[in-house]
Structure formats: C-alpha cells, structure tokens
Amino acid sequence: MHTRPLKLLIFDVNETLLDLSLMKDRMNEAFRHSFAFEKWFSLLLQYAWVETVTHQYHNFGEIGKAALQMTEQALETQIPENEKVDILGMIRQLPPHPDVKPGLEMLQSAGFPMVTLTHSAPEVLQQQMEFAKLTPYFEALFSIDDIQKYKPAPETYQFCLKKYQIQPQEALMIAAHGWDVAGALRAGLQAAFLARKGKALYPLAPTPQITEANLIKVAERLTQR
C-alpha cells in the first residue's frame, strides 16, 4: 500500500478531528436557514484561497468574520453583533468526533509521530485542542499562520516536511476534505480521506492511498500493514 515507510502523520483539524455540528445548528438557527452554515463555510474557504492566490494574508478568524458578513448579505438576514461573536467563538470549543480519540490512541500506541496542519490561527488551535483534550496525542500543532498560505498550497505541506526533514512520500495527510487530500497528493504526500457524512473526494485528483469512514478504520489500516 505504501511506497515508503511512514515517518509522519499530518492531521487536518476542523471537521476532520473536531465536530462542527453544534456550531452548524446554532448558525442555521440564527439565520433561520438550513444552509446558512454551508454557505458561510464555503465562503470562508473560498476567500482564504483568494488571499493565498493574490498573495495577501488575513488569519482564519478575520476571514470567518468577513464570510459571516457576506452570508448576511447573501441570505438577506442581519444577525445581532453579540450573536455573531458567540457563534464564531464556538470554533474554539468543539468536541472531537467519537472515533477520533480511539483512532489517535491506536496510532500513538503504534509509534506514529503525529502533527496537525490547520487553517486555525495558533491561539485558536491551542484552545481547540485543549478543549477537545487532544493535545497529548500530537508532537506539534502546526498552523498555516506560520507561513501565511492556506491549504492546499503546496508550501503548506512542504512546511511540515521541512520541519521533520523527510521526503513527501514519507508523510501521510489525513483529512475529511477532498480539496485537502488533493493538495497533499499533488504535493507528493500520501493521503487518507475520512469520508465523513456529506464529504466527497475531488474526482479529478489522484486517488488517496486510504479511504475510510472514520479514524478507527484508518488506524486499523495503518497499524496492520
């Protein structure tokens, strides 16, 4: 299955490790629209990529606020300022998906070095991982804020490779986003796609080495090879 022994597992955080369902429900309720969260999250990612393509940078929290303003305009609904602050603040206190801790424990027990690579700003990332009690599983918590380019720019993945002085094929990206998996594969890394509900692979990208419904199954694949 693998062309080289794996020396590093790189994890996306939001939606991959952390469950955004409560934030989704709260935002949809505030807008009284069942697709408000999807609209906001799509805008959030879209304009993060605009920043990278146009060689600009605002952190993920700033873009999140801007995307919420755009969502208000798109859905023609105004949300009270204090409610917007509360909703966006929920990103700091998200529970892990039920499969995450068992999967991480399996991988940690097997001796895999693990790091995060997320769009969240470093301060937010620290709070997210501490709240979810996931910090002990990871050697390092990397944010794209360190290089000020958003995934799937190749430089984001190369940042982790350079930190560990390894070749691309010696690292595996684990993510629940088809665009993240596509970016990692095109940067030469191996990848595992977590096929969480509502998520899909990009059909025009290379096929990831692993596709499973949850992290436990990914861990089983990696530990039984």
C-alpha atoms as a PDB file:
ATOM      1  CA  MET A   1       0.000   0.000   0.000  1.00  0.00           C
ATOM      2  CA  HIS A   2       2.858   2.405   0.801  1.00  0.00           C
ATOM      3  CA  THR A   3       5.884   3.166  -1.337  1.00  0.00           C
ATOM      4  CA  ARG A   4       7.940   4.236   1.693  1.00  0.00           C
ATOM      5  CA  PRO A   5       7.637   3.688   5.449  1.00  0.00           C
ATOM      6  CA  LEU A   6       5.622   6.475   7.008  1.00  0.00           C
ATOM      7  CA  LYS A   7       7.571   8.846   9.242  1.00  0.00           C
ATOM      8  CA  LEU A   8       4.840  11.413   9.905  1.00  0.00           C
ATOM      9  CA  LEU A   9       1.040  11.634  10.054  1.00  0.00           C
ATOM     10  CA  ILE A  10      -0.355  15.118   9.374  1.00  0.00           C
ATOM     11  CA  PHE A  11      -3.910  15.869  10.503  1.00  0.00           C
ATOM     12  CA  ASP A  12      -6.374  18.469   9.400  1.00  0.00           C
ATOM     13  CA  VAL A  13      -8.388  19.681  12.408  1.00  0.00           C
ATOM     14  CA  ASN A  14     -11.756  21.302  11.638  1.00  0.00           C
ATOM     15  CA  GLU A  15     -14.298  18.658  10.573  1.00  0.00           C
ATOM     16  CA  THR A  16     -11.574  16.005  10.418  1.00  0.00           C
ATOM     17  CA  LEU A  17     -10.897  15.783  14.164  1.00  0.00           C
ATOM     18  CA  LEU A  18     -13.454  18.234  15.531  1.00  0.00           C
ATOM     19  CA  ASP A  19     -17.218  18.066  15.088  1.00  0.00           C
ATOM     20  CA  LEU A  20     -18.744  21.356  13.902  1.00  0.00           C
ATOM     21  CA  SER A  21     -22.360  20.128  14.228  1.00  0.00           C
ATOM     22  CA  LEU A  22     -23.233  22.318  17.237  1.00  0.00           C
ATOM     23  CA  MET A  23     -21.844  25.401  15.518  1.00  0.00           C
ATOM     24  CA  LYS A  24     -23.722  24.465  12.352  1.00  0.00           C
ATOM     25  CA  ASP A  25     -27.020  24.121  14.229  1.00  0.00           C
ATOM     26  CA  ARG A  26     -26.515  27.413  16.058  1.00  0.00           C
ATOM     27  CA  MET A  27     -25.723  29.319  12.869  1.00  0.00           C
ATOM     28  CA  ASN A  28     -28.611  27.812  10.920  1.00  0.00           C
ATOM     29  CA  GLU A  29     -30.955  28.675  13.799  1.00  0.00           C
ATOM     30  CA  ALA A  30     -29.707  32.266  13.921  1.00  0.00           C
ATOM     31  CA  PHE A  31     -30.255  32.720  10.192  1.00  0.00           C
ATOM     32  CA  ARG A  32     -33.406  30.597  10.163  1.00  0.00           C
ATOM     33  CA  HIS A  33     -31.935  28.935   7.107  1.00  0.00           C
ATOM     34  CA  SER A  34     -30.921  25.274   6.831  1.00  0.00           C
ATOM     35  CA  PHE A  35     -27.951  26.012   4.566  1.00  0.00           C
ATOM     36  CA  ALA A  36     -26.543  29.078   6.333  1.00  0.00           C
ATOM     37  CA  PHE A  37     -23.577  27.203   7.802  1.00  0.00           C
ATOM     38  CA  GLU A  38     -22.677  25.583   4.484  1.00  0.00           C
ATOM     39  CA  LYS A  39     -22.852  28.992   2.822  1.00  0.00           C
ATOM     40  CA  TRP A  40     -20.624  30.553   5.462  1.00  0.00           C
ATOM     41  CA  PHE A  41     -18.098  27.712   5.484  1.00  0.00           C
ATOM     42  CA  SER A  42     -17.854  27.712   1.685  1.00  0.00           C
ATOM     43  CA  LEU A  43     -17.241  31.457   1.676  1.00  0.00           C
ATOM     44  CA  LEU A  44     -14.688  31.072   4.461  1.00  0.00           C
ATOM     45  CA  LEU A  45     -12.657  28.584   2.431  1.00  0.00           C
ATOM     46  CA  GLN A  46     -13.157  30.400  -0.862  1.00  0.00           C
ATOM     47  CA  TYR A  47     -11.816  33.685   0.423  1.00  0.00           C
ATOM     48  CA  ALA A  48      -8.972  32.046   2.317  1.00  0.00           C
ATOM     49  CA  TRP A  49      -7.866  30.735  -1.066  1.00  0.00           C
ATOM     50  CA  VAL A  50      -8.365  34.184  -2.610  1.00  0.00           C
ATOM     51  CA  GLU A  51      -5.912  35.532  -0.033  1.00  0.00           C
ATOM     52  CA  THR A  52      -3.300  32.931  -0.975  1.00  0.00           C
ATOM     53  CA  VAL A  53      -3.744  33.232  -4.747  1.00  0.00           C
ATOM     54  CA  THR A  54      -3.490  37.031  -4.582  1.00  0.00           C
ATOM     55  CA  HIS A  55      -0.502  36.897  -2.194  1.00  0.00           C
ATOM     56  CA  GLN A  56      -2.313  38.529   0.712  1.00  0.00           C
ATOM     57  CA  TYR A  57      -2.982  37.276   4.220  1.00  0.00           C
ATOM     58  CA  HIS A  58      -5.620  37.655   6.893  1.00  0.00           C
ATOM     59  CA  ASN A  59      -5.922  34.990   9.550  1.00  0.00           C
ATOM     60  CA  PHE A  60      -8.751  32.469   9.515  1.00  0.00           C
ATOM     61  CA  GLY A  61     -10.690  34.264  12.225  1.00  0.00           C
ATOM     62  CA  GLU A  62     -10.679  37.538  10.294  1.00  0.00           C
ATOM     63  CA  ILE A  63     -11.853  35.786   7.144  1.00  0.00           C
ATOM     64  CA  GLY A  64     -14.506  33.995   9.198  1.00  0.00           C
ATOM     65  CA  LYS A  65     -15.939  37.339  10.311  1.00  0.00           C
ATOM     66  CA  ALA A  66     -15.883  38.672   6.758  1.00  0.00           C
ATOM     67  CA  ALA A  67     -17.544  35.500   5.445  1.00  0.00           C
ATOM     68  CA  LEU A  68     -20.302  35.875   8.045  1.00  0.00           C
ATOM     69  CA  GLN A  69     -20.981  39.414   6.831  1.00  0.00           C
ATOM     70  CA  MET A  70     -21.152  38.078   3.281  1.00  0.00           C
ATOM     71  CA  THR A  71     -23.539  35.345   4.418  1.00  0.00           C
ATOM     72  CA  GLU A  72     -25.796  38.002   5.916  1.00  0.00           C
ATOM     73  CA  GLN A  73     -25.840  39.813   2.584  1.00  0.00           C
ATOM     74  CA  ALA A  74     -26.404  36.633   0.573  1.00  0.00           C
ATOM     75  CA  LEU A  75     -29.258  35.421   2.780  1.00  0.00           C
ATOM     76  CA  GLU A  76     -30.625  38.936   3.361  1.00  0.00           C
ATOM     77  CA  THR A  77     -30.626  38.386   7.107  1.00  0.00           C
ATOM     78  CA  GLN A  78     -28.976  40.520   9.774  1.00  0.00           C
ATOM     79  CA  ILE A  79     -27.683  38.807  12.928  1.00  0.00           C
ATOM     80  CA  PRO A  80     -27.130  40.829  16.143  1.00  0.00           C
ATOM     81  CA  GLU A  81     -23.441  41.585  16.681  1.00  0.00           C
ATOM     82  CA  ASN A  82     -23.241  39.788  20.037  1.00  0.00           C
ATOM     83  CA  GLU A  83     -24.795  36.684  18.497  1.00  0.00           C
ATOM     84  CA  LYS A  84     -22.259  36.720  15.673  1.00  0.00           C
ATOM     85  CA  VAL A  85     -19.451  36.908  18.234  1.00  0.00           C
ATOM     86  CA  ASP A  86     -20.927  33.977  20.165  1.00  0.00           C
ATOM     87  CA  ILE A  87     -21.390  31.849  17.056  1.00  0.00           C
ATOM     88  CA  LEU A  88     -17.875  32.435  15.738  1.00  0.00           C
ATOM     89  CA  GLY A  89     -16.482  31.829  19.220  1.00  0.00           C
ATOM     90  CA  MET A  90     -17.870  28.302  19.139  1.00  0.00           C
ATOM     91  CA  ILE A  91     -14.972  27.290  16.878  1.00  0.00           C
ATOM     92  CA  ARG A  92     -12.763  27.341  19.987  1.00  0.00           C
ATOM     93  CA  GLN A  93     -14.857  24.793  21.901  1.00  0.00           C
ATOM     94  CA  LEU A  94     -15.709  21.925  19.582  1.00  0.00           C
ATOM     95  CA  PRO A  95     -15.971  18.282  20.653  1.00  0.00           C
ATOM     96  CA  PRO A  96     -13.976  15.623  18.813  1.00  0.00           C
ATOM     97  CA  HIS A  97     -15.822  13.155  16.622  1.00  0.00           C
ATOM     98  CA  PRO A  98     -16.458   9.905  18.572  1.00  0.00           C
ATOM     99  CA  ASP A  99     -13.940   7.936  16.520  1.00  0.00           C
ATOM    100  CA  VAL A 100     -11.097  10.416  16.991  1.00  0.00           C
ATOM    101  CA  LYS A 101      -9.671   9.565  20.418  1.00  0.00           C
ATOM    102  CA  PRO A 102      -9.781   5.768  19.882  1.00  0.00           C
ATOM    103  CA  GLY A 103      -8.144   6.212  16.480  1.00  0.00           C
ATOM    104  CA  LEU A 104      -5.445   8.525  17.813  1.00  0.00           C
ATOM    105  CA  GLU A 105      -4.733   6.168  20.693  1.00  0.00           C
ATOM    106  CA  MET A 106      -4.211   3.297  18.243  1.00  0.00           C
ATOM    107  CA  LEU A 107      -1.849   5.363  16.118  1.00  0.00           C
ATOM    108  CA  GLN A 108       0.050   6.729  19.108  1.00  0.00           C
ATOM    109  CA  SER A 109       0.456   3.231  20.549  1.00  0.00           C
ATOM    110  CA  ALA A 110       1.834   2.098  17.198  1.00  0.00           C
ATOM    111  CA  GLY A 111       4.505   4.789  17.426  1.00  0.00           C
ATOM    112  CA  PHE A 112       3.400   7.118  14.628  1.00  0.00           C
ATOM    113  CA  PRO A 113       4.609  10.710  15.037  1.00  0.00           C
ATOM    114  CA  MET A 114       1.576  12.974  14.602  1.00  0.00           C
ATOM    115  CA  VAL A 115       1.139  16.709  13.988  1.00  0.00           C
ATOM    116  CA  THR A 116      -1.716  18.998  12.993  1.00  0.00           C
ATOM    117  CA  LEU A 117      -1.805  21.290   9.983  1.00  0.00           C
ATOM    118  CA  THR A 118      -4.813  23.578  10.102  1.00  0.00           C
ATOM    119  CA  HIS A 119      -6.130  26.916   8.914  1.00  0.00           C
ATOM    120  CA  SER A 120      -6.962  27.920  12.502  1.00  0.00           C
ATOM    121  CA  ALA A 121      -4.731  30.619  13.972  1.00  0.00           C
ATOM    122  CA  PRO A 122      -2.213  29.313  16.567  1.00  0.00           C
ATOM    123  CA  GLU A 123      -4.048  30.723  19.604  1.00  0.00           C
ATOM    124  CA  VAL A 124      -7.357  29.268  18.409  1.00  0.00           C
ATOM    125  CA  LEU A 125      -5.714  25.946  17.585  1.00  0.00           C
ATOM    126  CA  GLN A 126      -4.282  25.666  21.083  1.00  0.00           C
ATOM    127  CA  GLN A 127      -7.694  26.345  22.621  1.00  0.00           C
ATOM    128  CA  GLN A 128      -9.412  23.906  20.278  1.00  0.00           C
ATOM    129  CA  MET A 129      -7.058  21.050  21.072  1.00  0.00           C
ATOM    130  CA  GLU A 130      -7.059  21.709  24.816  1.00  0.00           C
ATOM    131  CA  PHE A 131     -10.855  21.851  24.953  1.00  0.00           C
ATOM    132  CA  ALA A 132     -11.139  18.607  22.974  1.00  0.00           C
ATOM    133  CA  LYS A 133      -8.372  17.041  25.113  1.00  0.00           C
ATOM    134  CA  LEU A 134      -6.406  16.035  22.019  1.00  0.00           C
ATOM    135  CA  THR A 135      -3.132  17.877  22.698  1.00  0.00           C
ATOM    136  CA  PRO A 136      -1.292  14.862  24.244  1.00  0.00           C
ATOM    137  CA  TYR A 137      -1.575  12.880  21.024  1.00  0.00           C
ATOM    138  CA  PHE A 138       0.440  15.338  18.936  1.00  0.00           C
ATOM    139  CA  GLU A 139       4.131  16.177  18.798  1.00  0.00           C
ATOM    140  CA  ALA A 140       3.412  19.611  17.331  1.00  0.00           C
ATOM    141  CA  LEU A 141       0.417  21.785  16.482  1.00  0.00           C
ATOM    142  CA  PHE A 142       1.158  23.489  13.181  1.00  0.00           C
ATOM    143  CA  SER A 143      -0.992  26.271  11.748  1.00  0.00           C
ATOM    144  CA  ILE A 144      -0.732  27.689   8.243  1.00  0.00           C
ATOM    145  CA  ASP A 145      -0.322  31.031  10.047  1.00  0.00           C
ATOM    146  CA  ASP A 146       3.359  30.075  10.317  1.00  0.00           C
ATOM    147  CA  ILE A 147       3.781  30.521   6.549  1.00  0.00           C
ATOM    148  CA  GLN A 148       0.684  32.631   5.807  1.00  0.00           C
ATOM    149  CA  LYS A 149      -0.526  30.476   2.940  1.00  0.00           C
ATOM    150  CA  TYR A 150      -3.693  28.405   3.073  1.00  0.00           C
ATOM    151  CA  LYS A 151      -4.003  24.759   2.149  1.00  0.00           C
ATOM    152  CA  PRO A 152      -3.982  23.326  -0.484  1.00  0.00           C
ATOM    153  CA  ALA A 153      -0.990  25.480  -1.496  1.00  0.00           C
ATOM    154  CA  PRO A 154       1.972  23.080  -1.829  1.00  0.00           C
ATOM    155  CA  GLU A 155       4.049  25.225   0.524  1.00  0.00           C
ATOM    156  CA  THR A 156       1.756  24.358   3.439  1.00  0.00           C
ATOM    157  CA  TYR A 157       2.504  20.642   3.228  1.00  0.00           C
ATOM    158  CA  GLN A 158       6.177  21.274   2.476  1.00  0.00           C
ATOM    159  CA  PHE A 159       6.368  23.287   5.692  1.00  0.00           C
ATOM    160  CA  CYS A 160       5.734  20.104   7.716  1.00  0.00           C
ATOM    161  CA  LEU A 161       8.144  18.074   5.597  1.00  0.00           C
ATOM    162  CA  LYS A 162      10.926  20.595   6.144  1.00  0.00           C
ATOM    163  CA  LYS A 163      10.297  20.650   9.893  1.00  0.00           C
ATOM    164  CA  TYR A 164      10.840  16.879  10.014  1.00  0.00           C
ATOM    165  CA  GLN A 165      13.396  16.723   7.187  1.00  0.00           C
ATOM    166  CA  ILE A 166      11.518  13.981   5.365  1.00  0.00           C
ATOM    167  CA  GLN A 167      10.513  13.233   1.798  1.00  0.00           C
ATOM    168  CA  PRO A 168       6.893  13.787   0.672  1.00  0.00           C
ATOM    169  CA  GLN A 169       6.112  10.065   0.321  1.00  0.00           C
ATOM    170  CA  GLU A 170       7.187   9.537   3.934  1.00  0.00           C
ATOM    171  CA  ALA A 171       4.237  11.612   5.196  1.00  0.00           C
ATOM    172  CA  LEU A 172       0.513  10.903   5.148  1.00  0.00           C
ATOM    173  CA  MET A 173      -2.132  13.637   5.250  1.00  0.00           C
ATOM    174  CA  ILE A 174      -5.385  12.693   6.998  1.00  0.00           C
ATOM    175  CA  ALA A 175      -8.353  14.910   6.164  1.00  0.00           C
ATOM    176  CA  ALA A 176     -12.117  14.899   5.672  1.00  0.00           C
ATOM    177  CA  HIS A 177     -11.898  17.377   2.782  1.00  0.00           C
ATOM    178  CA  GLY A 178     -11.416  16.366  -0.831  1.00  0.00           C
ATOM    179  CA  TRP A 179      -9.527  19.596  -1.571  1.00  0.00           C
ATOM    180  CA  ASP A 180      -7.062  18.943   1.274  1.00  0.00           C
ATOM    181  CA  VAL A 181      -6.461  15.374   0.144  1.00  0.00           C
ATOM    182  CA  ALA A 182      -5.999  16.574  -3.452  1.00  0.00           C
ATOM    183  CA  GLY A 183      -3.493  19.199  -2.337  1.00  0.00           C
ATOM    184  CA  ALA A 184      -1.456  16.729  -0.314  1.00  0.00           C
ATOM    185  CA  LEU A 185      -1.373  14.143  -3.097  1.00  0.00           C
ATOM    186  CA  ARG A 186      -0.351  16.712  -5.679  1.00  0.00           C
ATOM    187  CA  ALA A 187       2.428  17.841  -3.336  1.00  0.00           C
ATOM    188  CA  GLY A 188       3.713  14.255  -3.356  1.00  0.00           C
ATOM    189  CA  LEU A 189       2.428  13.134   0.052  1.00  0.00           C
ATOM    190  CA  GLN A 190       0.347  10.065   0.713  1.00  0.00           C
ATOM    191  CA  ALA A 191      -3.188  10.705   1.941  1.00  0.00           C
ATOM    192  CA  ALA A 192      -6.086   9.178   3.844  1.00  0.00           C
ATOM    193  CA  PHE A 193      -9.577  10.515   3.218  1.00  0.00           C
ATOM    194  CA  LEU A 194     -12.056  10.409   6.099  1.00  0.00           C
ATOM    195  CA  ALA A 195     -15.360  10.028   4.293  1.00  0.00           C
ATOM    196  CA  ARG A 196     -17.464  11.807   6.871  1.00  0.00           C
ATOM    197  CA  LYS A 197     -21.128  12.463   6.082  1.00  0.00           C
ATOM    198  CA  GLY A 198     -21.532  14.987   3.297  1.00  0.00           C
ATOM    199  CA  LYS A 199     -17.862  14.912   2.264  1.00  0.00           C
ATOM    200  CA  ALA A 200     -16.552  13.786  -1.118  1.00  0.00           C
ATOM    201  CA  LEU A 201     -13.281  13.349  -2.960  1.00  0.00           C
ATOM    202  CA  TYR A 202     -12.401  15.523  -5.943  1.00  0.00           C
ATOM    203  CA  PRO A 203     -12.794  13.189  -8.960  1.00  0.00           C
ATOM    204  CA  LEU A 204     -10.051  14.892 -10.996  1.00  0.00           C
ATOM    205  CA  ALA A 205      -7.392  14.439  -8.286  1.00  0.00           C
ATOM    206  CA  PRO A 206      -5.227  11.368  -7.682  1.00  0.00           C
ATOM    207  CA  THR A 207      -6.783   8.592  -5.615  1.00  0.00           C
ATOM    208  CA  PRO A 208      -5.724   8.594  -1.944  1.00  0.00           C
ATOM    209  CA  GLN A 209      -3.965   5.548  -0.545  1.00  0.00           C
ATOM    210  CA  ILE A 210      -6.711   5.120   2.076  1.00  0.00           C
ATOM    211  CA  THR A 211     -10.417   5.985   2.115  1.00  0.00           C
ATOM    212  CA  GLU A 212     -12.389   5.023   5.220  1.00  0.00           C
ATOM    213  CA  ALA A 213     -15.479   6.230   7.065  1.00  0.00           C
ATOM    214  CA  ASN A 214     -13.705   7.025  10.337  1.00  0.00           C
ATOM    215  CA  LEU A 215     -10.328   7.353  12.012  1.00  0.00           C
ATOM    216  CA  ILE A 216     -10.524   3.970  13.741  1.00  0.00           C
ATOM    217  CA  LYS A 217     -10.655   2.250  10.368  1.00  0.00           C
ATOM    218  CA  VAL A 218      -7.796   4.394   9.075  1.00  0.00           C
ATOM    219  CA  ALA A 219      -5.760   3.456  12.151  1.00  0.00           C
ATOM    220  CA  GLU A 220      -6.507  -0.227  11.576  1.00  0.00           C
ATOM    221  CA  ARG A 221      -5.258   0.051   8.014  1.00  0.00           C
ATOM    222  CA  LEU A 222      -2.066   1.811   9.087  1.00  0.00           C
ATOM    223  CA  THR A 223      -1.276  -0.453  12.028  1.00  0.00           C
ATOM    224  CA  GLN A 224      -1.948  -3.720  10.199  1.00  0.00           C
ATOM    225  CA  ARG A 225       0.217  -3.056   7.165  1.00  0.00           C
END
